[in-house]
Protein backbone atom coordinates (compact mmCIF):
# COMPACT_ATOMS: atom_id res chain seq x y z
CA MET A 1 -75.51 44.02 -35.52
CA PHE A 2 -72.64 44.71 -37.65
CA VAL A 3 -70.12 42.33 -39.49
CA ASP A 4 -66.53 43.12 -39.99
CA VAL A 5 -64.58 41.04 -42.43
CA ALA A 6 -60.84 41.19 -43.17
CA VAL A 7 -58.24 39.28 -45.26
CA ALA A 8 -54.43 39.01 -45.09
CA LYS A 9 -52.35 37.01 -47.58
CA VAL A 10 -48.88 36.67 -48.92
CA PRO A 11 -47.52 34.48 -51.76
CA LYS A 12 -44.91 31.71 -51.38
CA TYR A 13 -41.29 33.16 -51.43
CA PRO A 14 -40.02 34.32 -53.91
CA TRP A 15 -43.08 34.27 -56.07
CA GLN A 16 -44.80 37.78 -56.54
CA VAL A 17 -48.28 36.19 -57.22
CA SER A 18 -50.28 34.10 -54.67
CA GLY A 19 -51.96 30.94 -55.62
CA ASP A 20 -54.78 31.80 -53.18
CA THR A 21 -57.72 33.70 -54.53
CA LEU A 22 -60.32 35.59 -52.47
CA GLU A 23 -63.65 36.70 -53.91
CA MET A 24 -66.68 38.35 -52.51
CA ILE A 25 -70.26 38.38 -53.67
CA GLU A 26 -73.61 39.77 -52.40
CA ARG A 27 -76.20 37.02 -52.20
CA PRO A 28 -79.49 37.69 -54.05
CA HIS A 29 -81.68 36.97 -50.89
CA GLY A 30 -79.56 39.11 -48.65
CA GLY A 31 -76.05 38.81 -47.17
CA VAL A 32 -72.67 38.35 -48.40
CA SER A 33 -70.49 35.31 -49.32
CA PHE A 34 -66.62 35.19 -49.37
CA VAL A 35 -64.84 32.40 -51.30
CA LEU A 36 -61.26 31.49 -50.57
CA ALA A 37 -59.67 29.16 -53.08
CA ASP A 38 -56.11 27.60 -52.89
CA GLY A 39 -54.94 26.27 -56.27
CA GLN A 40 -52.55 23.34 -56.49
CA GLY A 41 -48.90 24.42 -56.80
CA HIS A 42 -47.51 27.98 -56.67
CA GLY A 43 -47.12 30.98 -59.04
CA PRO A 44 -49.08 31.94 -62.05
CA ALA A 45 -50.40 28.38 -62.63
CA ALA A 46 -51.95 28.04 -59.18
CA LYS A 47 -53.30 31.53 -59.48
CA TYR A 48 -55.00 30.72 -62.73
CA LEU A 49 -56.59 27.60 -61.10
CA SER A 50 -57.65 29.35 -57.95
CA HIS A 51 -59.19 32.09 -59.82
CA LEU A 52 -61.00 29.82 -62.09
CA VAL A 53 -62.47 27.95 -58.94
CA ALA A 54 -63.34 31.09 -56.98
CA THR A 55 -65.00 32.76 -59.98
CA LYS A 56 -67.00 29.77 -60.79
CA ALA A 57 -68.19 29.45 -57.05
CA VAL A 58 -69.24 33.08 -56.83
CA SER A 59 -71.21 32.92 -60.11
CA LEU A 60 -73.28 30.05 -58.73
CA LEU A 61 -73.87 31.88 -55.40
CA ALA A 62 -74.83 34.97 -57.28
CA ASP A 63 -77.51 32.92 -59.05
CA GLY A 64 -78.89 31.83 -55.69
CA VAL A 65 -77.34 28.41 -55.51
CA ARG A 66 -77.11 27.19 -51.93
CA ASP A 67 -73.55 27.13 -50.55
CA GLY A 68 -73.20 23.26 -50.25
CA ALA A 69 -74.62 22.93 -53.82
CA ALA A 70 -72.26 25.58 -55.14
CA GLY A 71 -69.19 23.73 -53.60
CA ARG A 72 -70.43 20.58 -55.21
CA ALA A 73 -71.08 22.08 -58.55
CA THR A 74 -67.58 23.87 -58.47
CA HIS A 75 -65.91 20.54 -57.88
CA ASP A 76 -67.87 18.90 -60.72
CA PHE A 77 -66.84 21.70 -62.94
CA LEU A 78 -63.15 21.37 -62.10
CA TYR A 79 -63.28 17.59 -62.13
CA ALA A 80 -64.79 17.55 -65.65
CA TYR A 81 -62.65 20.49 -66.90
CA ARG A 82 -59.31 18.92 -65.81
CA GLN A 83 -60.13 15.17 -65.89
CA GLY A 84 -59.36 14.92 -62.17
CA LYS A 85 -55.79 15.89 -62.47
CA VAL A 86 -55.60 18.94 -60.36
CA SER A 87 -57.04 19.88 -57.02
CA ALA A 88 -57.92 22.95 -55.17
CA ASP A 89 -58.97 23.82 -51.51
CA LEU A 90 -62.32 25.69 -51.53
CA THR A 91 -63.90 27.40 -48.48
CA ILE A 92 -67.04 29.42 -48.65
CA VAL A 93 -68.03 31.80 -45.70
CA SER A 94 -71.49 33.21 -46.04
CA VAL A 95 -73.58 35.63 -44.00
CA ASP A 96 -77.06 34.57 -45.03
CA LEU A 97 -79.66 37.10 -44.09
CA ALA A 98 -82.45 35.12 -45.31
CA SER A 99 -81.74 32.28 -42.71
CA LYS A 100 -80.02 34.66 -40.34
CA THR A 101 -77.10 32.24 -40.16
CA ILE A 102 -73.43 31.97 -40.80
CA VAL A 103 -72.89 29.20 -43.32
CA LEU A 104 -69.31 27.56 -43.65
CA SER A 105 -68.71 25.25 -46.48
CA ARG A 106 -65.38 23.62 -46.51
CA ASN A 107 -63.34 21.44 -49.00
CA SER A 108 -59.89 21.61 -47.36
CA ALA A 109 -57.59 19.92 -44.87
CA CYS A 110 -57.30 23.23 -43.23
CA PRO A 111 -59.56 23.66 -40.05
CA LEU A 112 -61.79 26.58 -39.44
CA LEU A 113 -61.88 28.21 -36.04
CA VAL A 114 -65.07 29.63 -34.55
CA SER A 115 -65.51 31.58 -31.37
CA THR A 116 -68.85 31.96 -29.72
CA ASN A 117 -69.53 33.21 -26.24
CA ASN A 118 -65.84 33.28 -25.58
CA GLU A 119 -65.54 29.60 -26.44
CA LEU A 120 -63.16 28.77 -29.27
CA ARG A 121 -63.55 25.44 -31.17
CA LEU A 122 -62.02 23.94 -34.17
CA ILE A 123 -64.11 22.74 -37.09
CA ASP A 124 -61.91 20.00 -38.49
CA GLU A 125 -64.06 17.18 -39.82
CA ALA A 126 -62.34 15.14 -42.52
CA SER A 127 -62.74 17.04 -45.87
CA GLN A 128 -61.23 16.51 -49.29
CA PRO A 129 -60.07 19.22 -51.83
CA ILE A 130 -62.14 19.57 -54.94
CA GLY A 131 -61.26 18.37 -58.45
CA VAL A 132 -59.74 14.97 -57.95
CA TYR A 133 -62.34 12.38 -56.58
CA ALA A 134 -65.64 11.98 -58.36
CA ARG A 135 -68.12 12.27 -55.56
CA THR A 136 -66.41 14.93 -53.50
CA LYS A 137 -68.68 17.09 -51.37
CA PRO A 138 -68.14 19.88 -48.79
CA SER A 139 -68.39 19.73 -45.03
CA VAL A 140 -71.08 22.35 -44.23
CA THR A 141 -71.62 23.91 -40.82
CA GLU A 142 -74.41 26.36 -40.05
CA LEU A 143 -74.29 28.75 -37.02
CA PRO A 144 -76.78 31.27 -35.88
CA LEU A 145 -75.97 34.82 -36.68
CA SER A 146 -75.28 36.49 -33.36
CA GLU A 147 -73.22 39.11 -31.73
CA GLY A 148 -69.64 38.33 -30.56
CA LEU A 149 -69.07 35.59 -33.15
CA ALA A 150 -65.66 35.21 -34.83
CA VAL A 151 -64.69 32.94 -37.73
CA ILE A 152 -61.06 32.45 -38.83
CA VAL A 153 -60.29 30.70 -42.11
CA ILE A 154 -56.82 29.87 -43.25
CA SER A 155 -54.92 28.23 -46.19
CA ASP A 156 -52.31 25.64 -45.75
CA GLY A 157 -49.57 28.18 -45.90
CA VAL A 158 -50.54 29.26 -42.37
CA LEU A 159 -51.47 25.68 -41.15
CA GLU A 160 -47.95 24.34 -42.04
CA ALA A 161 -45.91 27.51 -41.37
CA GLY A 162 -42.61 26.75 -39.58
CA GLU A 163 -42.74 23.05 -40.48
CA ARG A 164 -39.46 23.31 -42.43
CA TYR A 165 -37.79 24.72 -39.18
CA GLY A 166 -39.36 22.17 -36.84
CA GLN A 167 -41.74 24.64 -35.17
CA ARG A 168 -45.34 24.75 -36.48
CA LEU A 169 -47.70 27.29 -35.45
CA ASP A 170 -50.17 26.51 -32.35
CA LEU A 171 -53.32 27.73 -34.13
CA VAL A 172 -55.64 27.51 -31.25
CA SER A 173 -53.39 29.31 -28.82
CA ALA A 174 -52.43 31.95 -31.29
CA VAL A 175 -56.17 32.72 -32.14
CA ARG A 176 -57.20 32.65 -28.45
CA ALA A 177 -54.58 35.30 -27.62
CA LEU A 178 -55.91 37.53 -30.41
CA LEU A 179 -59.51 37.26 -29.40
CA THR A 180 -60.17 40.50 -27.35
CA PRO A 181 -63.72 41.55 -25.94
CA SER A 182 -64.15 43.55 -29.15
CA PRO A 183 -61.97 42.02 -31.72
CA SER A 184 -61.03 43.74 -34.95
CA ALA A 185 -61.07 41.34 -37.93
CA GLN A 186 -58.18 43.16 -39.57
CA SER A 187 -56.01 43.04 -36.57
CA ILE A 188 -56.67 39.33 -36.06
CA ALA A 189 -55.88 38.61 -39.70
CA ASP A 190 -52.70 40.70 -39.81
CA ALA A 191 -51.32 39.23 -36.56
CA LEU A 192 -52.06 35.67 -37.35
CA LEU A 193 -50.43 35.93 -40.86
CA ALA A 194 -47.42 37.86 -39.33
CA GLN A 195 -46.98 34.94 -36.87
CA ALA A 196 -47.07 32.32 -39.68
CA VAL A 197 -44.49 34.39 -41.71
CA ALA A 198 -42.24 34.71 -38.79
CA LEU A 199 -42.17 31.03 -38.34
CA ASP A 200 -41.00 30.61 -41.82
CA LYS A 201 -38.20 33.13 -41.12
CA ASN A 202 -39.90 35.75 -43.24
CA MET A 203 -39.79 33.67 -46.33
CA PRO A 204 -43.22 32.01 -46.65
CA GLN A 205 -42.93 28.42 -47.85
CA ASP A 206 -46.43 28.36 -49.23
CA ASP A 207 -49.09 30.80 -50.19
CA ALA A 208 -50.70 31.92 -46.98
CA SER A 209 -54.05 33.51 -46.42
CA VAL A 210 -56.26 34.46 -43.33
CA LEU A 211 -59.80 35.40 -43.74
CA VAL A 212 -61.55 36.71 -40.49
CA LEU A 213 -65.20 37.43 -39.90
CA CYS A 214 -66.50 39.02 -36.66
CA THR A 215 -69.84 40.27 -35.59
CA ARG A 216 -70.47 43.12 -33.12
CA PRO A 217 -73.27 45.24 -31.82
CA ALA A 218 -74.29 48.10 -34.16
CA TYR A 219 -73.81 51.71 -32.94
CA GLY A 220 -76.99 53.75 -33.53
CA GLU A 221 -78.58 53.38 -37.00
CA GLU A 222 -75.62 52.23 -39.12
CA THR A 223 -76.51 51.75 -42.69
CA THR A 224 -73.31 52.38 -44.64
CA ARG A 225 -71.50 49.45 -45.98
CA ARG A 226 -67.75 49.83 -46.48
CA LEU A 227 -65.06 47.91 -48.32
CA HIS A 228 -61.27 48.60 -48.08
CA VAL A 229 -58.72 47.06 -50.12
CA SER A 230 -54.91 47.37 -49.82
CA PHE A 231 -52.29 45.57 -51.78
CA PRO A 232 -48.69 46.06 -52.95
CA ILE A 233 -47.62 46.51 -56.57
CA TRP A 234 -44.16 44.91 -57.30
CA ARG A 235 -41.89 46.50 -59.79
CA PRO A 236 -39.88 44.29 -62.01
CA VAL A 237 -36.42 43.61 -60.79
CA ARG A 238 -33.74 45.05 -63.01
CA SER A 239 -30.46 43.21 -63.56
């Protein structure tokens, strides 16, 4: 089996820095975890907050802390550090080779979408952001690691895209249309983000991120792991 993961993200217009942070860490007992944090607000302050949260979570995961416990500990850290005055959404997606499962840990109002056996479902149980309420805990879902699985994670910039113009994204319909028999994680992430940005008239009203994980059969004895990163560098605007 092979796992493909891709991310596409844009900042709120007209900021040049996104308040969403994505981190990846290899798990000590096998597998990989992806952490998406969405800091309260926009711009550099939100980036500082989301980076603080994401790096705290990956450091715990790197030490072998289980996903749900890592989410709780990251909340406790932020709650103590900022006295309950700031919040952040935190989602952890893990390929756990020790248990042969996909673990989804969510502290966010944004739903997750999971496709298995051509059946698409929302994971949208009530969940609070971290950092504000003393006893906040994540909503945790564990799925068997199997071929043909797709997981789509979004931030609120995607969920609420188009709201200002009276036309929000139909998330389930949009994702269903993108799920081909052999979906590409990058093509799904790019297309879903593009639809969200288009609904905001190409001026995103919030930091928007899409994380996609897909599994597929391995072709032969594939052993090489690959990571590809692409991001723009903005030049300062001269007056």
